[in-house]
Amino acid sequence: MPELPDISVYVESLAAKLAGATLQRVRVMNPFVLRTAVPPIASAEGRRVTGLERLGKRVVIALDNEGGGDLFLVIHLMIAGRLQWLAAGAKPAKSALLALEFDAGTLVLTEAGTQRRASLHLLAGREALAEADPGGVEPLAADLATFTERLKAENHTLKRALTNPRLFSGIGNAYSDEILHRARLSPVTLTRALDDAALQRLHAATREVLLEWTERLRDEASKAGGWPKKVSAFHPEMAVHGRYGQPCPVCGTPVQRIVHADNETNYCARCQTGGKLLADRALSRLLKASWPKTIDDL
């Protein structure tokens, strides 16, 4: 799922292309993508773009509304949704779910697979937009005190807390892995068990990882003509996420993983868990007593 760095670069790229542009036509190719009926989607046509925003993991396009109050197109990419930018007049692929045709060009929403989780909402007014916000603090704007308060609001594992949109805005599976590796913390450590030193490391790591990857993706988009064309949760430059079995860039130990449903947590046992292997809820139950307890046993 595209997270804070990816969505930030999408928003920046769109802001450069849509400054002062007018939305001429909304084409909904798949009825499941549109999740609101009021106001009607046709009411967005003919409106001028007044701004681009990020709301958690959502892209928000603000439109003027002569009737009073702004309209907001809110696009949630979920796991497999992606945005494409086409020149004005270019036809989107038949697989496209949505096309927003501006006088400056066309924004197309696509989604891999068949689950159709990506969505578009049209909201009227700031109050409606605020209601769509899960309420997580912006991790890059939170000082240590605010970060700590949110982290310890509930006693959950670090992985769960960082990816909870009610606590932190825009952090998902990929960057939480990278943050915890940078902070040298186990993903299953409970939030209220952290001492001051660990909290400081985690706060610093969160800022560093998100800023570094936003800058990296911004540079890649610039080199690709001003548009992020390869949005992915997996990058070879990442330390642990998506790198199961590959060497940790810090200590060389093979990266380990915990698999649960559709989610996968990647970590370095040497750097983050003191050499302990974490139960993966599937293979460890199958092997029972034969499950290796440490990375050295493995």
C-alpha atoms as a PDB file:
ATOM      1  CA  MET A   1       0.000   0.000   0.000  1.00  0.00           C
ATOM      2  CA  PRO A   2       1.390   3.437  -0.882  1.00  0.00           C
ATOM      3  CA  GLU A   3       2.286   5.208   2.361  1.00  0.00           C
ATOM      4  CA  LEU A   4       3.286   8.697   3.488  1.00  0.00           C
ATOM      5  CA  PRO A   5       6.374   9.084   1.239  1.00  0.00           C
ATOM      6  CA  ASP A   6       4.586   7.726  -1.840  1.00  0.00           C
ATOM      7  CA  ILE A   7       1.396   9.733  -1.300  1.00  0.00           C
ATOM      8  CA  SER A   8       3.389  12.899  -0.579  1.00  0.00           C
ATOM      9  CA  VAL A   9       5.183  12.587  -3.918  1.00  0.00           C
ATOM     10  CA  TYR A  10       1.906  11.888  -5.738  1.00  0.00           C
ATOM     11  CA  VAL A  11       0.456  15.045  -4.165  1.00  0.00           C
ATOM     12  CA  GLU A  12       3.495  17.150  -5.061  1.00  0.00           C
ATOM     13  CA  SER A  13       3.491  15.876  -8.637  1.00  0.00           C
ATOM     14  CA  LEU A  14      -0.229  16.564  -9.031  1.00  0.00           C
ATOM     15  CA  ALA A  15       0.101  20.029  -7.517  1.00  0.00           C
ATOM     16  CA  ALA A  16       2.639  20.922 -10.196  1.00  0.00           C
ATOM     17  CA  LYS A  17       0.377  19.627 -12.995  1.00  0.00           C
ATOM     18  CA  LEU A  18      -3.016  20.820 -11.758  1.00  0.00           C
ATOM     19  CA  ALA A  19      -2.318  24.346 -10.515  1.00  0.00           C
ATOM     20  CA  GLY A  20      -5.327  26.353 -11.683  1.00  0.00           C
ATOM     21  CA  ALA A  21      -6.631  23.479 -13.829  1.00  0.00           C
ATOM     22  CA  THR A  22     -10.334  22.770 -14.340  1.00  0.00           C
ATOM     23  CA  LEU A  23     -11.934  19.349 -13.978  1.00  0.00           C
ATOM     24  CA  GLN A  24     -13.823  18.944 -17.226  1.00  0.00           C
ATOM     25  CA  ARG A  25     -15.156  15.408 -16.920  1.00  0.00           C
ATOM     26  CA  VAL A  26     -15.311  12.513 -14.455  1.00  0.00           C
ATOM     27  CA  ARG A  27     -15.431   9.066 -16.039  1.00  0.00           C
ATOM     28  CA  VAL A  28     -16.235   6.212 -13.668  1.00  0.00           C
ATOM     29  CA  MET A  29     -15.411   2.993 -15.546  1.00  0.00           C
ATOM     30  CA  ASN A  30     -16.080   0.696 -12.599  1.00  0.00           C
ATOM     31  CA  PRO A  31     -19.094   1.461 -10.356  1.00  0.00           C
ATOM     32  CA  PHE A  32     -17.421  -0.028  -7.283  1.00  0.00           C
ATOM     33  CA  VAL A  33     -14.766   2.698  -7.200  1.00  0.00           C
ATOM     34  CA  LEU A  34     -17.224   5.506  -6.370  1.00  0.00           C
ATOM     35  CA  ARG A  35     -18.290   5.255  -2.714  1.00  0.00           C
ATOM     36  CA  THR A  36     -20.454   8.374  -2.323  1.00  0.00           C
ATOM     37  CA  ALA A  37     -23.711   9.483  -3.956  1.00  0.00           C
ATOM     38  CA  VAL A  38     -24.197  12.899  -2.345  1.00  0.00           C
ATOM     39  CA  PRO A  39     -23.101  15.285  -3.674  1.00  0.00           C
ATOM     40  CA  PRO A  40     -23.445  13.710  -7.136  1.00  0.00           C
ATOM     41  CA  ILE A  41     -20.120  13.141  -8.874  1.00  0.00           C
ATOM     42  CA  ALA A  42     -21.240  15.261 -11.829  1.00  0.00           C
ATOM     43  CA  SER A  43     -21.270  18.305  -9.523  1.00  0.00           C
ATOM     44  CA  ALA A  44     -17.463  18.187  -9.501  1.00  0.00           C
ATOM     45  CA  GLU A  45     -17.263  18.823 -13.230  1.00  0.00           C
ATOM     46  CA  GLY A  46     -16.451  22.351 -14.297  1.00  0.00           C
ATOM     47  CA  ARG A  47     -14.752  23.136 -10.990  1.00  0.00           C
ATOM     48  CA  ARG A  48     -11.280  24.626 -10.676  1.00  0.00           C
ATOM     49  CA  VAL A  49      -8.555  22.919  -8.644  1.00  0.00           C
ATOM     50  CA  THR A  50      -7.693  24.996  -5.593  1.00  0.00           C
ATOM     51  CA  GLY A  51      -5.211  22.668  -3.902  1.00  0.00           C
ATOM     52  CA  LEU A  52      -3.756  19.202  -3.367  1.00  0.00           C
ATOM     53  CA  GLU A  53      -3.493  17.579   0.053  1.00  0.00           C
ATOM     54  CA  ARG A  54      -2.582  14.310   1.734  1.00  0.00           C
ATOM     55  CA  LEU A  55      -5.011  12.825   4.242  1.00  0.00           C
ATOM     56  CA  GLY A  56      -3.250   9.842   5.785  1.00  0.00           C
ATOM     57  CA  LYS A  57      -2.780   7.471   2.837  1.00  0.00           C
ATOM     58  CA  ARG A  58      -5.288   9.341   0.672  1.00  0.00           C
ATOM     59  CA  VAL A  59      -4.804  11.868  -2.129  1.00  0.00           C
ATOM     60  CA  VAL A  60      -7.155  14.853  -1.822  1.00  0.00           C
ATOM     61  CA  ILE A  61      -7.971  17.183  -4.717  1.00  0.00           C
ATOM     62  CA  ALA A  62      -9.722  20.362  -3.565  1.00  0.00           C
ATOM     63  CA  LEU A  63     -12.164  22.000  -5.987  1.00  0.00           C
ATOM     64  CA  ASP A  64     -13.882  25.360  -5.755  1.00  0.00           C
ATOM     65  CA  ASN A  65     -17.639  25.386  -5.284  1.00  0.00           C
ATOM     66  CA  GLU A  66     -19.574  28.411  -6.416  1.00  0.00           C
ATOM     67  CA  GLY A  67     -22.507  27.284  -4.299  1.00  0.00           C
ATOM     68  CA  GLY A  68     -20.421  27.776  -1.161  1.00  0.00           C
ATOM     69  CA  GLY A  69     -17.747  25.574   0.391  1.00  0.00           C
ATOM     70  CA  ASP A  70     -15.174  23.466  -1.335  1.00  0.00           C
ATOM     71  CA  LEU A  71     -15.605  20.024  -2.830  1.00  0.00           C
ATOM     72  CA  PHE A  72     -12.976  17.372  -2.209  1.00  0.00           C
ATOM     73  CA  LEU A  73     -12.140  14.398  -4.397  1.00  0.00           C
ATOM     74  CA  VAL A  74     -10.600  11.836  -2.033  1.00  0.00           C
ATOM     75  CA  ILE A  75      -8.728   8.942  -3.628  1.00  0.00           C
ATOM     76  CA  HIS A  76      -7.696   5.950  -1.518  1.00  0.00           C
ATOM     77  CA  LEU A  77      -5.353   3.604  -3.377  1.00  0.00           C
ATOM     78  CA  MET A  78      -5.501   0.825  -0.765  1.00  0.00           C
ATOM     79  CA  ILE A  79      -3.015  -1.974  -1.574  1.00  0.00           C
ATOM     80  CA  ALA A  80      -2.967  -2.267  -5.353  1.00  0.00           C
ATOM     81  CA  GLY A  81      -4.298   1.078  -6.592  1.00  0.00           C
ATOM     82  CA  ARG A  82      -1.991   3.335  -8.607  1.00  0.00           C
ATOM     83  CA  LEU A  83      -2.282   6.698 -10.346  1.00  0.00           C
ATOM     84  CA  GLN A  84      -1.243   7.450 -13.903  1.00  0.00           C
ATOM     85  CA  TRP A  85      -0.941  10.807 -15.619  1.00  0.00           C
ATOM     86  CA  LEU A  86      -1.850  11.058 -19.296  1.00  0.00           C
ATOM     87  CA  ALA A  87      -1.535  13.967 -21.682  1.00  0.00           C
ATOM     88  CA  ALA A  88      -4.770  15.796 -22.512  1.00  0.00           C
ATOM     89  CA  GLY A  89      -6.780  13.799 -25.023  1.00  0.00           C
ATOM     90  CA  ALA A  90      -4.952  10.499 -24.402  1.00  0.00           C
ATOM     91  CA  LYS A  91      -7.195   7.495 -23.831  1.00  0.00           C
ATOM     92  CA  PRO A  92      -6.830   5.475 -20.623  1.00  0.00           C
ATOM     93  CA  ALA A  93      -6.422   1.713 -20.788  1.00  0.00           C
ATOM     94  CA  LYS A  94      -9.546  -0.456 -20.721  1.00  0.00           C
ATOM     95  CA  SER A  95      -8.501  -1.703 -17.280  1.00  0.00           C
ATOM     96  CA  ALA A  96      -8.758   1.790 -15.761  1.00  0.00           C
ATOM     97  CA  LEU A  97     -11.289   2.229 -12.940  1.00  0.00           C
ATOM     98  CA  LEU A  98     -11.530   6.016 -13.055  1.00  0.00           C
ATOM     99  CA  ALA A  99     -10.448   8.923 -15.227  1.00  0.00           C
ATOM    100  CA  LEU A 100     -10.472  12.537 -14.081  1.00  0.00           C
ATOM    101  CA  GLU A 101     -10.144  14.649 -17.208  1.00  0.00           C
ATOM    102  CA  PHE A 102      -8.643  18.083 -16.608  1.00  0.00           C
ATOM    103  CA  ASP A 103      -7.792  20.665 -19.225  1.00  0.00           C
ATOM    104  CA  ALA A 104      -4.142  20.031 -18.308  1.00  0.00           C
ATOM    105  CA  GLY A 105      -4.276  16.227 -18.673  1.00  0.00           C
ATOM    106  CA  THR A 106      -6.019  13.129 -17.343  1.00  0.00           C
ATOM    107  CA  LEU A 107      -5.525  11.459 -13.970  1.00  0.00           C
ATOM    108  CA  VAL A 108      -6.254   7.726 -14.187  1.00  0.00           C
ATOM    109  CA  LEU A 109      -6.801   5.289 -11.331  1.00  0.00           C
ATOM    110  CA  THR A 110      -5.861   1.660 -11.943  1.00  0.00           C
ATOM    111  CA  GLU A 111      -5.800  -1.331  -9.619  1.00  0.00           C
ATOM    112  CA  ALA A 112      -4.040  -4.659  -9.956  1.00  0.00           C
ATOM    113  CA  GLY A 113      -5.977  -7.827  -9.149  1.00  0.00           C
ATOM    114  CA  THR A 114      -9.732  -8.241  -8.859  1.00  0.00           C
ATOM    115  CA  GLN A 115     -10.591  -7.213  -5.289  1.00  0.00           C
ATOM    116  CA  ARG A 116     -11.391  -3.585  -6.147  1.00  0.00           C
ATOM    117  CA  ARG A 117     -10.492  -1.938  -2.859  1.00  0.00           C
ATOM    118  CA  ALA A 118      -9.365   1.416  -4.276  1.00  0.00           C
ATOM    119  CA  SER A 119     -11.989   4.128  -3.892  1.00  0.00           C
ATOM    120  CA  LEU A 120     -13.118   7.635  -4.739  1.00  0.00           C
ATOM    121  CA  HIS A 121     -15.200   9.804  -2.412  1.00  0.00           C
ATOM    122  CA  LEU A 122     -16.621  13.221  -3.234  1.00  0.00           C
ATOM    123  CA  LEU A 123     -17.034  15.229  -0.046  1.00  0.00           C
ATOM    124  CA  ALA A 124     -18.610  18.643   0.439  1.00  0.00           C
ATOM    125  CA  GLY A 125     -16.909  20.988   2.896  1.00  0.00           C
ATOM    126  CA  ARG A 126     -14.056  20.812   5.367  1.00  0.00           C
ATOM    127  CA  GLU A 127     -16.199  19.204   8.037  1.00  0.00           C
ATOM    128  CA  ALA A 128     -16.927  16.205   5.817  1.00  0.00           C
ATOM    129  CA  LEU A 129     -13.226  15.917   4.981  1.00  0.00           C
ATOM    130  CA  ALA A 130     -12.325  16.041   8.667  1.00  0.00           C
ATOM    131  CA  GLU A 131     -14.768  13.225   9.386  1.00  0.00           C
ATOM    132  CA  ALA A 132     -12.871  11.045   6.894  1.00  0.00           C
ATOM    133  CA  ASP A 133      -9.642  11.558   8.833  1.00  0.00           C
ATOM    134  CA  PRO A 134      -8.892   8.595  11.173  1.00  0.00           C
ATOM    135  CA  GLY A 135      -7.226  11.071  13.533  1.00  0.00           C
ATOM    136  CA  GLY A 136      -3.600   9.958  13.578  1.00  0.00           C
ATOM    137  CA  VAL A 137      -0.961  12.603  14.226  1.00  0.00           C
ATOM    138  CA  GLU A 138       1.403  13.572  11.436  1.00  0.00           C
ATOM    139  CA  PRO A 139       4.620  11.727  12.354  1.00  0.00           C
ATOM    140  CA  LEU A 140       6.862  14.359  10.785  1.00  0.00           C
ATOM    141  CA  ALA A 141       5.169  17.138  12.743  1.00  0.00           C
ATOM    142  CA  ALA A 142       4.972  15.377  16.110  1.00  0.00           C
ATOM    143  CA  ASP A 143       7.571  16.280  18.726  1.00  0.00           C
ATOM    144  CA  LEU A 144       8.855  13.609  21.089  1.00  0.00           C
ATOM    145  CA  ALA A 145       6.213  14.323  23.738  1.00  0.00           C
ATOM    146  CA  THR A 146       3.318  14.081  21.268  1.00  0.00           C
ATOM    147  CA  PHE A 147       4.818  11.004  19.640  1.00  0.00           C
ATOM    148  CA  THR A 148       5.211   9.295  23.015  1.00  0.00           C
ATOM    149  CA  GLU A 149       1.702  10.195  24.114  1.00  0.00           C
ATOM    150  CA  ARG A 150       0.198   8.652  20.972  1.00  0.00           C
ATOM    151  CA  LEU A 151       2.422   5.595  21.093  1.00  0.00           C
ATOM    152  CA  LYS A 152       1.480   4.798  24.692  1.00  0.00           C
ATOM    153  CA  ALA A 153      -2.200   5.635  24.330  1.00  0.00           C
ATOM    154  CA  GLU A 154      -2.827   1.903  23.978  1.00  0.00           C
ATOM    155  CA  ASN A 155      -0.589  -0.984  25.006  1.00  0.00           C
ATOM    156  CA  HIS A 156      -0.018  -2.766  21.694  1.00  0.00           C
ATOM    157  CA  THR A 157       2.986  -4.084  19.821  1.00  0.00           C
ATOM    158  CA  LEU A 158       5.133  -1.461  18.132  1.00  0.00           C
ATOM    159  CA  LYS A 159       4.236  -2.800  14.698  1.00  0.00           C
ATOM    160  CA  ARG A 160       0.529  -2.503  15.386  1.00  0.00           C
ATOM    161  CA  ALA A 161       0.828   0.933  16.967  1.00  0.00           C
ATOM    162  CA  LEU A 162       2.870   2.470  14.147  1.00  0.00           C
ATOM    163  CA  THR A 163       0.458   1.187  11.495  1.00  0.00           C
ATOM    164  CA  ASN A 164      -2.690   2.259  13.357  1.00  0.00           C
ATOM    165  CA  PRO A 165      -4.128   5.245  11.425  1.00  0.00           C
ATOM    166  CA  ARG A 166      -5.898   6.445  14.589  1.00  0.00           C
ATOM    167  CA  LEU A 167      -2.477   6.931  16.188  1.00  0.00           C
ATOM    168  CA  PHE A 168      -0.139   7.864  13.330  1.00  0.00           C
ATOM    169  CA  SER A 169      -0.980   9.178   9.899  1.00  0.00           C
ATOM    170  CA  GLY A 170       0.410   7.562   6.776  1.00  0.00           C
ATOM    171  CA  ILE A 171       2.619   4.766   8.168  1.00  0.00           C
ATOM    172  CA  GLY A 172       1.957   1.252   6.895  1.00  0.00           C
ATOM    173  CA  ASN A 173       3.525  -2.166   6.664  1.00  0.00           C
ATOM    174  CA  ALA A 174       6.610  -1.246   4.650  1.00  0.00           C
ATOM    175  CA  TYR A 175       7.884   1.841   6.442  1.00  0.00           C
ATOM    176  CA  SER A 176       7.061   0.503   9.899  1.00  0.00           C
ATOM    177  CA  ASP A 177       9.500  -2.354   9.170  1.00  0.00           C
ATOM    178  CA  GLU A 178      12.165   0.136   8.112  1.00  0.00           C
ATOM    179  CA  ILE A 179      11.541   2.404  11.108  1.00  0.00           C
ATOM    180  CA  LEU A 180      11.798  -0.423  13.635  1.00  0.00           C
ATOM    181  CA  HIS A 181      14.988  -1.726  12.040  1.00  0.00           C
ATOM    182  CA  ARG A 182      16.528   1.754  12.138  1.00  0.00           C
ATOM    183  CA  ALA A 183      15.510   2.094  15.810  1.00  0.00           C
ATOM    184  CA  ARG A 184      16.835  -1.419  16.639  1.00  0.00           C
ATOM    185  CA  LEU A 185      13.518  -2.422  18.200  1.00  0.00           C
ATOM    186  CA  SER A 186      11.517  -5.627  18.002  1.00  0.00           C
ATOM    187  CA  PRO A 187       8.175  -5.339  16.199  1.00  0.00           C
ATOM    188  CA  VAL A 188       6.449  -7.254  19.024  1.00  0.00           C
ATOM    189  CA  THR A 189       7.708  -5.097  21.891  1.00  0.00           C
ATOM    190  CA  LEU A 190       4.783  -3.540  23.744  1.00  0.00           C
ATOM    191  CA  THR A 191       4.531   0.223  23.499  1.00  0.00           C
ATOM    192  CA  ARG A 192       4.323   0.826  27.247  1.00  0.00           C
ATOM    193  CA  ALA A 193       7.451  -1.255  27.828  1.00  0.00           C
ATOM    194  CA  LEU A 194       9.753   1.247  26.086  1.00  0.00           C
ATOM    195  CA  ASP A 195      12.197   3.245  28.156  1.00  0.00           C
ATOM    196  CA  ASP A 196      13.146   6.846  27.381  1.00  0.00           C
ATOM    197  CA  ALA A 197      16.169   5.899  25.271  1.00  0.00           C
ATOM    198  CA  ALA A 198      14.102   3.540  23.114  1.00  0.00           C
ATOM    199  CA  LEU A 199      11.393   6.165  22.675  1.00  0.00           C
ATOM    200  CA  GLN A 200      13.956   8.706  21.520  1.00  0.00           C
ATOM    201  CA  ARG A 201      15.440   6.220  19.036  1.00  0.00           C
ATOM    202  CA  LEU A 202      12.008   5.354  17.663  1.00  0.00           C
ATOM    203  CA  HIS A 203      10.959   8.983  17.289  1.00  0.00           C
ATOM    204  CA  ALA A 204      14.206   9.850  15.521  1.00  0.00           C
ATOM    205  CA  ALA A 205      14.041   6.756  13.294  1.00  0.00           C
ATOM    206  CA  THR A 206      10.468   7.567  12.256  1.00  0.00           C
ATOM    207  CA  ARG A 207      11.448  11.028  11.093  1.00  0.00           C
ATOM    208  CA  GLU A 208      14.656   9.876   9.415  1.00  0.00           C
ATOM    209  CA  VAL A 209      13.112   7.005   7.464  1.00  0.00           C
ATOM    210  CA  LEU A 210      10.070   8.943   6.250  1.00  0.00           C
ATOM    211  CA  LEU A 211      12.114  11.998   5.259  1.00  0.00           C
ATOM    212  CA  GLU A 212      14.816   9.944   3.533  1.00  0.00           C
ATOM    213  CA  TRP A 213      12.343   7.911   1.506  1.00  0.00           C
ATOM    214  CA  THR A 214      10.227  10.931   0.573  1.00  0.00           C
ATOM    215  CA  GLU A 215      13.343  12.610  -0.773  1.00  0.00           C
ATOM    216  CA  ARG A 216      14.450   9.439  -2.564  1.00  0.00           C
ATOM    217  CA  LEU A 217      11.040   8.965  -4.228  1.00  0.00           C
ATOM    218  CA  ARG A 218      10.837  12.668  -5.064  1.00  0.00           C
ATOM    219  CA  ASP A 219      14.194  12.409  -6.846  1.00  0.00           C
ATOM    220  CA  GLU A 220      13.070   9.300  -8.748  1.00  0.00           C
ATOM    221  CA  ALA A 221       9.888  11.063  -9.869  1.00  0.00           C
ATOM    222  CA  SER A 222      11.869  14.076 -11.022  1.00  0.00           C
ATOM    223  CA  LYS A 223      14.129  11.877 -13.129  1.00  0.00           C
ATOM    224  CA  ALA A 224      11.056  10.142 -14.586  1.00  0.00           C
ATOM    225  CA  GLY A 225       9.617  13.385 -15.951  1.00  0.00           C
ATOM    226  CA  GLY A 226       7.877  14.662 -12.837  1.00  0.00           C
ATOM    227  CA  TRP A 227       5.661  11.684 -12.124  1.00  0.00           C
ATOM    228  CA  PRO A 228       6.163   8.661  -9.785  1.00  0.00           C
ATOM    229  CA  LYS A 229       5.885   5.791 -12.253  1.00  0.00           C
ATOM    230  CA  LYS A 230       7.132   2.920 -10.099  1.00  0.00           C
ATOM    231  CA  VAL A 231       5.171   3.131  -6.855  1.00  0.00           C
ATOM    232  CA  SER A 232       5.851  -0.018  -4.847  1.00  0.00           C
ATOM    233  CA  ALA A 233       6.104  -1.214  -1.262  1.00  0.00           C
ATOM    234  CA  PHE A 234       9.265  -3.079  -2.189  1.00  0.00           C
ATOM    235  CA  HIS A 235      12.561  -1.399  -2.976  1.00  0.00           C
ATOM    236  CA  PRO A 236      15.966  -3.113  -3.178  1.00  0.00           C
ATOM    237  CA  GLU A 237      17.438  -0.253  -1.139  1.00  0.00           C
ATOM    238  CA  MET A 238      15.239  -1.037   1.861  1.00  0.00           C
ATOM    239  CA  ALA A 239      16.920  -2.557   4.883  1.00  0.00           C
ATOM    240  CA  VAL A 240      14.458  -5.331   5.770  1.00  0.00           C
ATOM    241  CA  HIS A 241      11.018  -4.904   4.215  1.00  0.00           C
ATOM    242  CA  GLY A 242      10.448  -7.450   1.475  1.00  0.00           C
ATOM    243  CA  ARG A 243      13.964  -8.812   1.909  1.00  0.00           C
ATOM    244  CA  TYR A 244      13.271 -12.119   3.667  1.00  0.00           C
ATOM    245  CA  GLY A 245      16.330 -14.342   3.591  1.00  0.00           C
ATOM    246  CA  GLN A 246      18.598 -11.584   2.296  1.00  0.00           C
ATOM    247  CA  PRO A 247      21.440 -10.187   4.426  1.00  0.00           C
ATOM    248  CA  CYS A 248      20.738  -7.342   6.828  1.00  0.00           C
ATOM    249  CA  PRO A 249      22.726  -4.309   5.561  1.00  0.00           C
ATOM    250  CA  VAL A 250      24.005  -3.684   9.117  1.00  0.00           C
ATOM    251  CA  CYS A 251      25.097  -7.101  10.365  1.00  0.00           C
ATOM    252  CA  GLY A 252      24.689  -9.474   7.422  1.00  0.00           C
ATOM    253  CA  THR A 253      22.255 -11.795   9.226  1.00  0.00           C
ATOM    254  CA  PRO A 254      19.454 -13.156   6.988  1.00  0.00           C
ATOM    255  CA  VAL A 255      16.278 -11.088   7.352  1.00  0.00           C
ATOM    256  CA  GLN A 256      13.431 -12.958   9.068  1.00  0.00           C
ATOM    257  CA  ARG A 257       9.655 -12.558   8.790  1.00  0.00           C
ATOM    258  CA  ILE A 258       6.332 -13.028  10.548  1.00  0.00           C
ATOM    259  CA  VAL A 259       3.451 -13.861   8.213  1.00  0.00           C
ATOM    260  CA  HIS A 260      -0.133 -13.276   9.288  1.00  0.00           C
ATOM    261  CA  ALA A 261      -3.014 -13.224   6.785  1.00  0.00           C
ATOM    262  CA  ASP A 262      -2.082 -10.677   4.084  1.00  0.00           C
ATOM    263  CA  ASN A 263       0.539  -8.944   6.212  1.00  0.00           C
ATOM    264  CA  GLU A 264       4.215  -9.698   6.529  1.00  0.00           C
ATOM    265  CA  THR A 265       6.597  -8.242   9.093  1.00  0.00           C
ATOM    266  CA  ASN A 266      10.291  -8.300   8.255  1.00  0.00           C
ATOM    267  CA  TYR A 267      13.024  -7.862  10.856  1.00  0.00           C
ATOM    268  CA  CYS A 268      16.636  -8.610  11.674  1.00  0.00           C
ATOM    269  CA  ALA A 269      16.946 -10.976  14.635  1.00  0.00           C
ATOM    270  CA  ARG A 270      20.497  -9.854  15.354  1.00  0.00           C
ATOM    271  CA  CYS A 271      19.796  -6.108  15.275  1.00  0.00           C
ATOM    272  CA  GLN A 272      16.273  -6.015  16.698  1.00  0.00           C
ATOM    273  CA  THR A 273      15.464  -8.997  18.909  1.00  0.00           C
ATOM    274  CA  GLY A 274      18.762  -9.939  20.514  1.00  0.00           C
ATOM    275  CA  GLY A 275      19.043 -13.005  18.282  1.00  0.00           C
ATOM    276  CA  LYS A 276      15.591 -14.362  19.161  1.00  0.00           C
ATOM    277  CA  LEU A 277      13.401 -15.725  16.352  1.00  0.00           C
ATOM    278  CA  LEU A 278       9.812 -14.525  16.562  1.00  0.00           C
ATOM    279  CA  ALA A 279       6.984 -17.029  16.124  1.00  0.00           C
ATOM    280  CA  ASP A 280       5.341 -16.589  12.735  1.00  0.00           C
ATOM    281  CA  ARG A 281       1.922 -17.959  13.833  1.00  0.00           C
ATOM    282  CA  ALA A 282       1.980 -20.639  11.144  1.00  0.00           C
ATOM    283  CA  LEU A 283       5.272 -22.467  10.648  1.00  0.00           C
ATOM    284  CA  SER A 284       6.205 -22.180  14.323  1.00  0.00           C
ATOM    285  CA  ARG A 285       2.929 -23.858  15.329  1.00  0.00           C
ATOM    286  CA  LEU A 286       3.516 -26.615  12.808  1.00  0.00           C
ATOM    287  CA  LEU A 287       7.055 -27.310  13.977  1.00  0.00           C
ATOM    288  CA  LYS A 288       6.276 -26.795  17.676  1.00  0.00           C
ATOM    289  CA  ALA A 289       9.297 -28.042  19.685  1.00  0.00           C
ATOM    290  CA  SER A 290      11.395 -28.178  16.516  1.00  0.00           C
ATOM    291  CA  TRP A 291      11.000 -24.436  15.941  1.00  0.00           C
ATOM    292  CA  PRO A 292      14.439 -22.787  16.363  1.00  0.00           C
ATOM    293  CA  LYS A 293      14.475 -20.277  19.186  1.00  0.00           C
ATOM    294  CA  THR A 294      17.433 -18.136  18.026  1.00  0.00           C
ATOM    295  CA  ILE A 295      19.054 -17.069  14.808  1.00  0.00           C
ATOM    296  CA  ASP A 296      22.081 -19.183  15.736  1.00  0.00           C
ATOM    297  CA  ASP A 297      19.863 -22.276  16.094  1.00  0.00           C
ATOM    298  CA  LEU A 298      18.463 -21.568  12.653  1.00  0.00           C
END
